[in-house]
C-alpha atoms as a PDB file:
ATOM      1  CA  MET A   1     -27.302 -13.251  -6.089  1.00  0.00           C
ATOM      2  CA  ALA A   2     -26.505 -10.472  -3.336  1.00  0.00           C
ATOM      3  CA  GLU A   3     -27.137 -11.600   0.444  1.00  0.00           C
ATOM      4  CA  ALA A   4     -30.454 -10.690   1.864  1.00  0.00           C
ATOM      5  CA  GLY A   5     -30.704  -7.601   3.575  1.00  0.00           C
ATOM      6  CA  ALA A   6     -28.291  -5.742   0.895  1.00  0.00           C
ATOM      7  CA  ALA A   7     -28.840  -2.190   0.372  1.00  0.00           C
ATOM      8  CA  GLU A   8     -30.091  -1.103  -3.107  1.00  0.00           C
ATOM      9  CA  PRO A   9     -27.221  -1.085  -5.850  1.00  0.00           C
ATOM     10  CA  VAL A  10     -24.647   2.124  -5.783  1.00  0.00           C
ATOM     11  CA  VAL A  11     -24.217   1.689  -9.200  1.00  0.00           C
ATOM     12  CA  ASP A  12     -25.880  -0.126 -12.103  1.00  0.00           C
ATOM     13  CA  ARG A  13     -22.649  -1.533 -14.119  1.00  0.00           C
ATOM     14  CA  LEU A  14     -19.695  -1.595 -12.668  1.00  0.00           C
ATOM     15  CA  ALA A  15     -16.141  -2.414 -14.342  1.00  0.00           C
ATOM     16  CA  ILE A  16     -12.935  -3.751 -12.409  1.00  0.00           C
ATOM     17  CA  VAL A  17      -9.808  -3.690 -14.433  1.00  0.00           C
ATOM     18  CA  GLY A  18      -7.381  -6.046 -13.227  1.00  0.00           C
ATOM     19  CA  LEU A  19      -8.487  -8.993 -11.148  1.00  0.00           C
ATOM     20  CA  GLY A  20      -5.981  -9.742  -8.104  1.00  0.00           C
ATOM     21  CA  LEU A  21      -6.639  -9.758  -4.817  1.00  0.00           C
ATOM     22  CA  ILE A  22      -8.463  -6.383  -4.538  1.00  0.00           C
ATOM     23  CA  GLY A  23     -10.019  -6.827  -7.771  1.00  0.00           C
ATOM     24  CA  SER A  24     -11.695  -9.940  -7.219  1.00  0.00           C
ATOM     25  CA  SER A  25     -12.118  -8.889  -3.608  1.00  0.00           C
ATOM     26  CA  ILE A  26     -14.164  -5.884  -4.875  1.00  0.00           C
ATOM     27  CA  ALA A  27     -16.109  -8.334  -7.458  1.00  0.00           C
ATOM     28  CA  ARG A  28     -16.972 -10.567  -4.515  1.00  0.00           C
ATOM     29  CA  GLY A  29     -18.071  -8.011  -2.294  1.00  0.00           C
ATOM     30  CA  ALA A  30     -20.638  -6.141  -4.831  1.00  0.00           C
ATOM     31  CA  ARG A  31     -22.041  -9.267  -5.817  1.00  0.00           C
ATOM     32  CA  ARG A  32     -22.596 -10.354  -1.844  1.00  0.00           C
ATOM     33  CA  PHE A  33     -23.913  -6.853  -1.387  1.00  0.00           C
ATOM     34  CA  GLY A  34     -26.071  -5.952  -4.038  1.00  0.00           C
ATOM     35  CA  LEU A  35     -23.959  -2.793  -5.063  1.00  0.00           C
ATOM     36  CA  CYS A  36     -24.024  -2.849  -8.636  1.00  0.00           C
ATOM     37  CA  ARG A  37     -26.360  -5.025 -10.646  1.00  0.00           C
ATOM     38  CA  THR A  38     -24.028  -5.876 -13.349  1.00  0.00           C
ATOM     39  CA  ILE A  39     -19.954  -6.879 -13.327  1.00  0.00           C
ATOM     40  CA  VAL A  40     -17.859  -6.608 -15.719  1.00  0.00           C
ATOM     41  CA  ALA A  41     -14.355  -8.264 -15.558  1.00  0.00           C
ATOM     42  CA  VAL A  42     -11.264  -6.661 -17.452  1.00  0.00           C
ATOM     43  CA  ASP A  43      -7.447  -8.067 -17.350  1.00  0.00           C
ATOM     44  CA  ALA A  44      -5.158  -8.772 -19.635  1.00  0.00           C
ATOM     45  CA  ASP A  45      -4.166 -11.798 -18.983  1.00  0.00           C
ATOM     46  CA  GLU A  46      -6.679 -14.364 -20.867  1.00  0.00           C
ATOM     47  CA  SER A  47      -6.007 -17.169 -17.972  1.00  0.00           C
ATOM     48  CA  VAL A  48      -7.404 -14.589 -15.265  1.00  0.00           C
ATOM     49  CA  CYS A  49     -10.756 -13.923 -17.175  1.00  0.00           C
ATOM     50  CA  ALA A  50     -11.034 -17.780 -17.920  1.00  0.00           C
ATOM     51  CA  ARG A  51     -10.621 -18.023 -14.075  1.00  0.00           C
ATOM     52  CA  VAL A  52     -12.674 -15.136 -13.367  1.00  0.00           C
ATOM     53  CA  ARG A  53     -15.620 -16.862 -15.341  1.00  0.00           C
ATOM     54  CA  GLU A  54     -15.140 -20.350 -13.740  1.00  0.00           C
ATOM     55  CA  LEU A  55     -15.638 -18.687 -10.537  1.00  0.00           C
ATOM     56  CA  GLY A  56     -18.582 -16.652 -11.347  1.00  0.00           C
ATOM     57  CA  LEU A  57     -16.664 -13.364 -10.326  1.00  0.00           C
ATOM     58  CA  ALA A  58     -18.671 -11.373 -13.119  1.00  0.00           C
ATOM     59  CA  ASP A  59     -21.145 -11.163 -15.714  1.00  0.00           C
ATOM     60  CA  ALA A  60     -18.516 -10.723 -18.647  1.00  0.00           C
ATOM     61  CA  ALA A  61     -14.685 -11.462 -18.415  1.00  0.00           C
ATOM     62  CA  THR A  62     -12.928 -10.036 -21.079  1.00  0.00           C
ATOM     63  CA  THR A  63      -9.283  -8.593 -21.995  1.00  0.00           C
ATOM     64  CA  ASP A  64     -10.573  -5.975 -24.122  1.00  0.00           C
ATOM     65  CA  ALA A  65     -10.299  -2.452 -21.785  1.00  0.00           C
ATOM     66  CA  ALA A  66     -11.985  -0.580 -23.956  1.00  0.00           C
ATOM     67  CA  GLU A  67     -14.925  -2.888 -24.590  1.00  0.00           C
ATOM     68  CA  GLY A  68     -15.061  -3.374 -20.735  1.00  0.00           C
ATOM     69  CA  VAL A  69     -15.287  -0.073 -19.617  1.00  0.00           C
ATOM     70  CA  ALA A  70     -18.212   1.008 -22.228  1.00  0.00           C
ATOM     71  CA  GLY A  71     -21.472   1.544 -20.874  1.00  0.00           C
ATOM     72  CA  ALA A  72     -19.926   1.733 -17.192  1.00  0.00           C
ATOM     73  CA  ASP A  73     -21.209   4.008 -14.478  1.00  0.00           C
ATOM     74  CA  LEU A  74     -18.200   3.132 -12.201  1.00  0.00           C
ATOM     75  CA  VAL A  75     -14.864   2.050 -13.561  1.00  0.00           C
ATOM     76  CA  ILE A  76     -12.474   0.771 -11.004  1.00  0.00           C
ATOM     77  CA  LEU A  77      -8.402   0.545 -11.961  1.00  0.00           C
ATOM     78  CA  CYS A  78      -6.635  -2.407  -9.915  1.00  0.00           C
ATOM     79  CA  VAL A  79      -3.673  -2.426 -11.545  1.00  0.00           C
ATOM     80  CA  PRO A  80      -0.245  -1.590 -10.111  1.00  0.00           C
ATOM     81  CA  VAL A  81      -0.036   2.163 -10.060  1.00  0.00           C
ATOM     82  CA  GLY A  82       2.828   2.429 -12.933  1.00  0.00           C
ATOM     83  CA  ALA A  83       0.134   1.047 -15.216  1.00  0.00           C
ATOM     84  CA  ALA A  84      -2.547   3.129 -14.629  1.00  0.00           C
ATOM     85  CA  GLY A  85      -1.558   5.662 -16.834  1.00  0.00           C
ATOM     86  CA  ALA A  86      -1.405   3.606 -19.987  1.00  0.00           C
ATOM     87  CA  VAL A  87      -4.605   1.531 -18.649  1.00  0.00           C
ATOM     88  CA  ALA A  88      -6.300   5.356 -18.933  1.00  0.00           C
ATOM     89  CA  GLN A  89      -4.960   5.885 -22.028  1.00  0.00           C
ATOM     90  CA  ALA A  90      -6.410   2.451 -23.685  1.00  0.00           C
ATOM     91  CA  ILE A  91      -9.898   3.330 -22.308  1.00  0.00           C
ATOM     92  CA  ARG A  92      -9.800   6.912 -23.842  1.00  0.00           C
ATOM     93  CA  GLY A  93     -12.847   7.651 -25.653  1.00  0.00           C
ATOM     94  CA  HIS A  94     -14.509   4.587 -24.525  1.00  0.00           C
ATOM     95  CA  MET A  95     -16.498   5.745 -21.037  1.00  0.00           C
ATOM     96  CA  LYS A  96     -19.404   6.974 -21.340  1.00  0.00           C
ATOM     97  CA  PRO A  97     -20.286  10.708 -20.025  1.00  0.00           C
ATOM     98  CA  GLY A  98     -20.975  10.856 -16.620  1.00  0.00           C
ATOM     99  CA  SER A  99     -19.372   7.887 -15.409  1.00  0.00           C
ATOM    100  CA  VAL A 100     -16.763   7.653 -12.669  1.00  0.00           C
ATOM    101  CA  LEU A 101     -13.204   6.361 -12.868  1.00  0.00           C
ATOM    102  CA  SER A 102     -11.389   4.915  -9.588  1.00  0.00           C
ATOM    103  CA  ASP A 103      -8.530   3.166  -8.354  1.00  0.00           C
ATOM    104  CA  VAL A 104      -6.884   1.278  -5.678  1.00  0.00           C
ATOM    105  CA  GLY A 105      -3.151   2.861  -5.620  1.00  0.00           C
ATOM    106  CA  SER A 106      -1.223   2.797  -2.442  1.00  0.00           C
ATOM    107  CA  VAL A 107       0.065   5.970  -4.237  1.00  0.00           C
ATOM    108  CA  LYS A 108      -2.174   8.888  -5.327  1.00  0.00           C
ATOM    109  CA  GLY A 109       0.291  12.003  -6.430  1.00  0.00           C
ATOM    110  CA  ALA A 110       2.078   9.489  -9.428  1.00  0.00           C
ATOM    111  CA  VAL A 111      -1.377   8.289 -10.480  1.00  0.00           C
ATOM    112  CA  VAL A 112      -3.137  11.546 -10.662  1.00  0.00           C
ATOM    113  CA  ALA A 113      -0.746  12.703 -12.457  1.00  0.00           C
ATOM    114  CA  ALA A 114      -0.812   9.864 -15.089  1.00  0.00           C
ATOM    115  CA  VAL A 115      -4.283   9.429 -15.346  1.00  0.00           C
ATOM    116  CA  THR A 116      -5.810  13.005 -15.612  1.00  0.00           C
ATOM    117  CA  PRO A 117      -4.161  13.745 -19.002  1.00  0.00           C
ATOM    118  CA  HIS A 118      -6.517  10.810 -20.527  1.00  0.00           C
ATOM    119  CA  LEU A 119      -9.954  11.946 -19.296  1.00  0.00           C
ATOM    120  CA  ASP A 120     -12.730  11.973 -21.111  1.00  0.00           C
ATOM    121  CA  ALA A 121     -15.290  14.906 -20.891  1.00  0.00           C
ATOM    122  CA  GLY A 122     -18.081  14.535 -18.630  1.00  0.00           C
ATOM    123  CA  VAL A 123     -15.937  11.755 -16.656  1.00  0.00           C
ATOM    124  CA  THR A 124     -14.983  12.371 -13.065  1.00  0.00           C
ATOM    125  CA  PHE A 125     -11.702  10.971 -11.629  1.00  0.00           C
ATOM    126  CA  VAL A 126     -12.120   9.844  -8.079  1.00  0.00           C
ATOM    127  CA  PRO A 127      -8.713   8.189  -6.698  1.00  0.00           C
ATOM    128  CA  ALA A 128      -9.228   5.910  -3.741  1.00  0.00           C
ATOM    129  CA  HIS A 129      -6.836   3.515  -1.485  1.00  0.00           C
ATOM    130  CA  PRO A 130      -8.353   0.957   0.579  1.00  0.00           C
ATOM    131  CA  VAL A 131      -5.926   0.201   3.230  1.00  0.00           C
ATOM    132  CA  ALA A 132      -6.549  -3.418   3.595  1.00  0.00           C
ATOM    133  CA  GLY A 133      -4.521  -6.329   1.968  1.00  0.00           C
ATOM    134  CA  THR A 134      -2.856  -9.918   2.233  1.00  0.00           C
ATOM    135  CA  GLU A 135       0.188 -11.286   1.162  1.00  0.00           C
ATOM    136  CA  TYR A 136      -1.656 -13.053  -1.208  1.00  0.00           C
ATOM    137  CA  SER A 137      -2.475 -12.434  -4.875  1.00  0.00           C
ATOM    138  CA  GLY A 138      -4.760 -13.219  -8.054  1.00  0.00           C
ATOM    139  CA  PRO A 139      -8.424 -14.077  -8.200  1.00  0.00           C
ATOM    140  CA  ASP A 140      -8.591 -16.902  -5.997  1.00  0.00           C
ATOM    141  CA  ALA A 141      -7.073 -15.090  -3.304  1.00  0.00           C
ATOM    142  CA  GLY A 142      -9.843 -12.641  -3.105  1.00  0.00           C
ATOM    143  CA  PHE A 143     -12.637 -12.560  -0.418  1.00  0.00           C
ATOM    144  CA  ALA A 144     -15.733 -10.670   0.142  1.00  0.00           C
ATOM    145  CA  THR A 145     -15.096  -9.020   3.521  1.00  0.00           C
ATOM    146  CA  LEU A 146     -11.563  -8.124   3.049  1.00  0.00           C
ATOM    147  CA  PHE A 147     -12.346  -4.335   3.180  1.00  0.00           C
ATOM    148  CA  SER A 148     -14.601  -5.069   6.432  1.00  0.00           C
ATOM    149  CA  GLY A 149     -13.726  -2.391   8.855  1.00  0.00           C
ATOM    150  CA  ARG A 150     -10.559  -1.208   7.137  1.00  0.00           C
ATOM    151  CA  TRP A 151      -9.779   2.280   6.047  1.00  0.00           C
ATOM    152  CA  CYS A 152     -10.408   3.133   2.627  1.00  0.00           C
ATOM    153  CA  ILE A 153      -8.721   6.686   1.637  1.00  0.00           C
ATOM    154  CA  LEU A 154     -10.175   9.265  -0.994  1.00  0.00           C
ATOM    155  CA  THR A 155      -8.237  11.735  -2.608  1.00  0.00           C
ATOM    156  CA  PRO A 156     -11.052  13.657  -4.830  1.00  0.00           C
ATOM    157  CA  PRO A 157      -9.076  16.561  -6.891  1.00  0.00           C
ATOM    158  CA  GLU A 158     -10.357  20.290  -5.842  1.00  0.00           C
ATOM    159  CA  GLY A 159     -13.910  20.971  -7.395  1.00  0.00           C
ATOM    160  CA  ALA A 160     -14.521  17.182  -8.037  1.00  0.00           C
ATOM    161  CA  ASP A 161     -18.348  16.351  -8.810  1.00  0.00           C
ATOM    162  CA  GLU A 162     -19.650  15.501  -5.195  1.00  0.00           C
ATOM    163  CA  THR A 163     -22.426  13.032  -6.912  1.00  0.00           C
ATOM    164  CA  ALA A 164     -19.448  11.109  -8.453  1.00  0.00           C
ATOM    165  CA  VAL A 165     -17.572  11.224  -5.065  1.00  0.00           C
ATOM    166  CA  ALA A 166     -20.635   9.979  -3.257  1.00  0.00           C
ATOM    167  CA  ARG A 167     -20.885   7.286  -5.279  1.00  0.00           C
ATOM    168  CA  VAL A 168     -17.308   5.934  -4.914  1.00  0.00           C
ATOM    169  CA  ARG A 169     -18.036   6.465  -1.088  1.00  0.00           C
ATOM    170  CA  GLY A 170     -21.119   4.345  -1.246  1.00  0.00           C
ATOM    171  CA  LEU A 171     -19.554   1.311  -2.806  1.00  0.00           C
ATOM    172  CA  TRP A 172     -16.507   1.559  -0.317  1.00  0.00           C
ATOM    173  CA  GLU A 173     -18.897   2.170   2.772  1.00  0.00           C
ATOM    174  CA  GLY A 174     -21.010  -0.611   1.042  1.00  0.00           C
ATOM    175  CA  LEU A 175     -18.086  -2.830   0.687  1.00  0.00           C
ATOM    176  CA  GLY A 176     -17.650  -2.126   4.587  1.00  0.00           C
ATOM    177  CA  ALA A 177     -14.988   0.030   4.736  1.00  0.00           C
ATOM    178  CA  ILE A 178     -14.095   3.239   7.035  1.00  0.00           C
ATOM    179  CA  VAL A 179     -13.851   5.752   4.515  1.00  0.00           C
ATOM    180  CA  GLU A 180     -11.929   9.273   4.977  1.00  0.00           C
ATOM    181  CA  THR A 181     -10.815  11.974   2.410  1.00  0.00           C
ATOM    182  CA  MET A 182      -7.655  13.677   2.111  1.00  0.00           C
ATOM    183  CA  SER A 183      -4.982  15.654  -0.296  1.00  0.00           C
ATOM    184  CA  ALA A 184      -3.458  13.066  -2.626  1.00  0.00           C
ATOM    185  CA  GLU A 185       0.063  14.849  -1.387  1.00  0.00           C
ATOM    186  CA  HIS A 186      -1.152  14.278   1.960  1.00  0.00           C
ATOM    187  CA  HIS A 187      -2.152  10.927   1.524  1.00  0.00           C
ATOM    188  CA  ASP A 188       1.176  10.072  -0.101  1.00  0.00           C
ATOM    189  CA  LEU A 189       3.057  11.250   3.082  1.00  0.00           C
ATOM    190  CA  VAL A 190       1.230   9.202   5.501  1.00  0.00           C
ATOM    191  CA  LEU A 191       1.129   6.052   3.677  1.00  0.00           C
ATOM    192  CA  ALA A 192       5.158   6.506   3.253  1.00  0.00           C
ATOM    193  CA  ILE A 193       5.881   5.390   6.912  1.00  0.00           C
ATOM    194  CA  THR A 194       3.319   3.609   7.484  1.00  0.00           C
ATOM    195  CA  SER A 195       2.733   1.105   4.898  1.00  0.00           C
ATOM    196  CA  HIS A 196       5.211   1.562   1.873  1.00  0.00           C
ATOM    197  CA  VAL A 197       8.747   2.395   4.389  1.00  0.00           C
ATOM    198  CA  PRO A 198       7.966  -1.058   6.446  1.00  0.00           C
ATOM    199  CA  HIS A 199       7.920  -2.844   3.334  1.00  0.00           C
ATOM    200  CA  LEU A 200      10.902  -1.582   1.941  1.00  0.00           C
ATOM    201  CA  ILE A 201      12.318  -2.615   5.393  1.00  0.00           C
ATOM    202  CA  ALA A 202      10.892  -6.004   5.127  1.00  0.00           C
ATOM    203  CA  TYR A 203      12.131  -6.981   1.780  1.00  0.00           C
ATOM    204  CA  ASN A 204      15.657  -5.520   3.291  1.00  0.00           C
ATOM    205  CA  ILE A 205      15.985  -7.793   6.149  1.00  0.00           C
ATOM    206  CA  VAL A 206      14.853 -10.924   4.614  1.00  0.00           C
ATOM    207  CA  GLY A 207      17.570 -10.157   1.909  1.00  0.00           C
ATOM    208  CA  THR A 208      20.008  -9.567   4.272  1.00  0.00           C
ATOM    209  CA  ALA A 209      18.959 -12.650   5.948  1.00  0.00           C
ATOM    210  CA  ALA A 210      19.682 -14.542   3.165  1.00  0.00           C
ATOM    211  CA  ASP A 211      22.752 -13.090   2.145  1.00  0.00           C
ATOM    212  CA  LEU A 212      24.578 -13.771   5.328  1.00  0.00           C
ATOM    213  CA  GLU A 213      26.905 -16.675   4.813  1.00  0.00           C
ATOM    214  CA  THR A 214      26.935 -18.277   8.169  1.00  0.00           C
ATOM    215  CA  VAL A 215      23.387 -18.706   8.134  1.00  0.00           C
ATOM    216  CA  THR A 216      21.995 -21.654   6.537  1.00  0.00           C
ATOM    217  CA  GLN A 217      18.639 -21.623   4.426  1.00  0.00           C
ATOM    218  CA  SER A 218      17.306 -24.389   6.707  1.00  0.00           C
ATOM    219  CA  GLU A 219      18.134 -22.209   9.840  1.00  0.00           C
ATOM    220  CA  VAL A 220      16.341 -19.116   8.457  1.00  0.00           C
ATOM    221  CA  ILE A 221      13.698 -21.348   7.735  1.00  0.00           C
ATOM    222  CA  LYS A 222      14.361 -23.458  11.242  1.00  0.00           C
ATOM    223  CA  PHE A 223      14.322 -20.152  13.432  1.00  0.00           C
ATOM    224  CA  SER A 224      11.300 -18.138  11.436  1.00  0.00           C
ATOM    225  CA  ALA A 225       8.682 -18.536  14.451  1.00  0.00           C
ATOM    226  CA  GLY A 226      10.238 -15.579  16.192  1.00  0.00           C
ATOM    227  CA  GLY A 227      10.066 -11.775  14.706  1.00  0.00           C
ATOM    228  CA  PHE A 228      11.832 -12.842  11.220  1.00  0.00           C
ATOM    229  CA  ARG A 229       8.592 -14.954   9.969  1.00  0.00           C
ATOM    230  CA  ASP A 230       6.204 -11.378  10.638  1.00  0.00           C
ATOM    231  CA  PHE A 231       8.763  -9.568   8.190  1.00  0.00           C
ATOM    232  CA  THR A 232       8.951 -12.342   5.637  1.00  0.00           C
ATOM    233  CA  ARG A 233       4.949 -12.097   5.149  1.00  0.00           C
ATOM    234  CA  ILE A 234       4.460  -8.775   3.605  1.00  0.00           C
ATOM    235  CA  ALA A 235       8.157  -9.189   2.002  1.00  0.00           C
ATOM    236  CA  ALA A 236       6.370 -12.132   0.164  1.00  0.00           C
ATOM    237  CA  SER A 237       4.030  -9.311  -1.247  1.00  0.00           C
ATOM    238  CA  ASP A 238       3.228  -8.355  -5.224  1.00  0.00           C
ATOM    239  CA  PRO A 239       6.705  -7.744  -6.211  1.00  0.00           C
ATOM    240  CA  THR A 240       5.494  -5.940  -9.132  1.00  0.00           C
ATOM    241  CA  MET A 241       3.182  -4.140  -6.969  1.00  0.00           C
ATOM    242  CA  TRP A 242       6.025  -3.098  -4.787  1.00  0.00           C
ATOM    243  CA  ARG A 243       8.106  -1.899  -7.415  1.00  0.00           C
ATOM    244  CA  ASP A 244       5.828   0.980  -8.427  1.00  0.00           C
ATOM    245  CA  VAL A 245       4.815   1.970  -5.196  1.00  0.00           C
ATOM    246  CA  PHE A 246       8.884   2.567  -4.564  1.00  0.00           C
ATOM    247  CA  LEU A 247       9.269   4.329  -7.990  1.00  0.00           C
ATOM    248  CA  ASN A 248       5.894   6.386  -8.272  1.00  0.00           C
ATOM    249  CA  ASN A 249       6.339   7.997  -4.219  1.00  0.00           C
ATOM    250  CA  LYS A 250      10.077   7.793  -4.115  1.00  0.00           C
ATOM    251  CA  ASP A 251       9.857  11.417  -2.730  1.00  0.00           C
ATOM    252  CA  ALA A 252       7.803  10.873   0.344  1.00  0.00           C
ATOM    253  CA  VAL A 253       9.683   7.115   0.859  1.00  0.00           C
ATOM    254  CA  LEU A 254      13.117   9.126   0.667  1.00  0.00           C
ATOM    255  CA  GLU A 255      11.847  11.549   3.091  1.00  0.00           C
ATOM    256  CA  MET A 256      10.603   9.197   5.752  1.00  0.00           C
ATOM    257  CA  LEU A 257      13.137   6.801   5.151  1.00  0.00           C
ATOM    258  CA  GLY A 258      15.935   9.667   6.007  1.00  0.00           C
ATOM    259  CA  ARG A 259      13.423  10.285   9.548  1.00  0.00           C
ATOM    260  CA  PHE A 260      13.638   6.446  10.007  1.00  0.00           C
ATOM    261  CA  ASN A 261      17.898   5.972   9.487  1.00  0.00           C
ATOM    262  CA  GLU A 262      18.164   9.384  12.541  1.00  0.00           C
ATOM    263  CA  ASP A 263      15.849   7.116  14.764  1.00  0.00           C
ATOM    264  CA  LEU A 264      17.606   3.959  13.790  1.00  0.00           C
ATOM    265  CA  ALA A 265      21.381   5.955  14.579  1.00  0.00           C
ATOM    266  CA  ALA A 266      20.198   6.712  17.500  1.00  0.00           C
ATOM    267  CA  LEU A 267      18.484   3.623  18.927  1.00  0.00           C
ATOM    268  CA  ALA A 268      21.704   2.262  18.035  1.00  0.00           C
ATOM    269  CA  ARG A 269      23.979   4.596  19.885  1.00  0.00           C
ATOM    270  CA  ALA A 270      21.832   3.768  22.877  1.00  0.00           C
ATOM    271  CA  ILE A 271      22.391   0.132  22.753  1.00  0.00           C
ATOM    272  CA  ARG A 272      26.200   1.230  22.171  1.00  0.00           C
ATOM    273  CA  TRP A 273      26.109   3.264  25.140  1.00  0.00           C
ATOM    274  CA  GLY A 274      23.877   0.536  27.357  1.00  0.00           C
ATOM    275  CA  ASP A 275      21.430   3.838  27.552  1.00  0.00           C
ATOM    276  CA  GLY A 276      18.847   1.050  29.180  1.00  0.00           C
ATOM    277  CA  GLU A 277      16.079   3.793  30.056  1.00  0.00           C
ATOM    278  CA  ALA A 278      16.220   5.561  26.293  1.00  0.00           C
ATOM    279  CA  LEU A 279      15.273   1.606  24.946  1.00  0.00           C
ATOM    280  CA  HIS A 280      12.411   1.405  27.877  1.00  0.00           C
ATOM    281  CA  ASP A 281      11.104   4.555  27.048  1.00  0.00           C
ATOM    282  CA  LEU A 282      11.089   4.288  23.051  1.00  0.00           C
ATOM    283  CA  PHE A 283       9.738   0.233  23.863  1.00  0.00           C
ATOM    284  CA  THR A 284       6.633   1.580  26.069  1.00  0.00           C
ATOM    285  CA  ARG A 285       5.823   4.380  23.829  1.00  0.00           C
ATOM    286  CA  THR A 286       5.858   2.186  20.836  1.00  0.00           C
ATOM    287  CA  ARG A 287       3.881  -0.581  22.667  1.00  0.00           C
ATOM    288  CA  ALA A 288       1.168   2.109  23.023  1.00  0.00           C
ATOM    289  CA  ILE A 289       1.241   3.183  19.884  1.00  0.00           C
ATOM    290  CA  ARG A 290       0.595  -0.925  18.593  1.00  0.00           C
ATOM    291  CA  ARG A 291      -2.040  -1.392  21.546  1.00  0.00           C
ATOM    292  CA  GLY A 292      -4.208   1.651  19.747  1.00  0.00           C
ATOM    293  CA  ILE A 293      -4.145   0.083  16.498  1.00  0.00           C
ATOM    294  CA  VAL A 294      -5.659  -2.569  17.980  1.00  0.00           C
ATOM    295  CA  ALA A 295      -7.872  -0.497  19.989  1.00  0.00           C
ATOM    296  CA  MET A 296      -8.927   0.976  16.781  1.00  0.00           C
ATOM    297  CA  GLY A 297     -10.107  -1.918  15.217  1.00  0.00           C
ATOM    298  CA  GLN A 298      -7.487  -2.218  12.621  1.00  0.00           C
ATOM    299  CA  GLU A 299      -5.734  -5.038  13.795  1.00  0.00           C
ATOM    300  CA  THR A 300      -5.975  -7.842  16.229  1.00  0.00           C
ATOM    301  CA  ALA A 301      -3.452  -8.847  18.990  1.00  0.00           C
ATOM    302  CA  GLU A 302      -3.117 -12.294  17.857  1.00  0.00           C
ATOM    303  CA  PRO A 303       0.385 -13.413  16.572  1.00  0.00           C
ATOM    304  CA  ASP A 304       1.472 -13.294  12.842  1.00  0.00           C
ATOM    305  CA  PHE A 305      -0.153  -9.677  12.214  1.00  0.00           C
ATOM    306  CA  GLY A 306      -3.563 -10.721  12.840  1.00  0.00           C
ATOM    307  CA  ARG A 307      -3.851 -11.938   8.776  1.00  0.00           C
ATOM    308  CA  ALA A 308      -4.308 -15.475   8.782  1.00  0.00           C
ATOM    309  CA  ARG A 309      -6.261 -16.043   5.613  1.00  0.00           C
ATOM    310  CA  PRO A 310      -9.442 -16.806   6.406  1.00  0.00           C
ATOM    311  CA  SER A 311     -10.924 -20.217   5.509  1.00  0.00           C
ATOM    312  CA  PRO A 312     -13.908 -20.816   2.801  1.00  0.00           C
ATOM    313  CA  GLU A 313     -16.432 -21.267   5.150  1.00  0.00           C
ATOM    314  CA  GLN A 314     -15.638 -17.481   5.763  1.00  0.00           C
ATOM    315  CA  THR A 315     -15.608 -16.495   2.633  1.00  0.00           C
ATOM    316  CA  ALA A 316     -16.638 -17.902  -0.192  1.00  0.00           C
ATOM    317  CA  GLU A 317     -20.133 -17.439  -1.716  1.00  0.00           C
ATOM    318  CA  PRO A 318     -21.892 -20.302  -2.178  1.00  0.00           C
ATOM    319  CA  GLN A 319     -22.077 -20.370  -6.014  1.00  0.00           C
ATOM    320  CA  GLU A 320     -18.077 -19.774  -6.223  1.00  0.00           C
ATOM    321  CA  PRO A 321     -16.174 -23.183  -6.003  1.00  0.00           C
ATOM    322  CA  ARG A 322     -13.069 -22.712  -4.155  1.00  0.00           C
END
């Protein structure tokens, strides 16, 4: 049941395809804040569906995508971006006219290209990307307040039905997100530098440390209370999801990676030639940017990137055993 004081439902029937961290958080939030009357969970893994039933995250859970989306007013694809097209094809012909299809992928151009050919007449696709997450995954990882105060970017195609866009916006605002709208192309370029390249660097530096013959695994763990610990946090993210992100946003990632490499080369020159002034200027400028992120409410000044996993007391609904 919804919390007291919850808003009127945004949709009557909500179908969520993929009950990992994001999907299960949407389900928890939609129920807690009364954003829909019925929640249907769809996941190809029967064990995930069974866990969803145990947790009471949805009114129904099924491995049959076509069955799960039937009659839904809003369907949200919470699957790796590389799987979005296949899922869209699987549900083609089963969504009702006037319904809305959305997603949560951190790549938009490739998803739009993969999903659009499979849209039924009368169904509007409104891509979305909630810029929120943790390194945990699975239906137990979600929590209702994951999106509170975080950005959610909508990338509706030109001429998209305004009612459909408003429906998706209303859901995300109901979940506590701050909604912004931009083109899919602009989104992919921005996210390449703010999210995708940082993850790539994290995966790479952890791999480099592991390959150093002079550093044993125990020493890496022993001294990981510094910057290495922060890198390992995001390097623990879902490998399937991030593989698909890089393959589906490769042009923007390679563009931003090229710029990063140029800046890194300049930084290496400053170190090599003892240019302390250049180093100090860069560190001062970047510290100010970091403080700006904290001031905008998108982060805390605490260690561990401000991502301490919420306690059950903070996040769990009373009817959901943790």
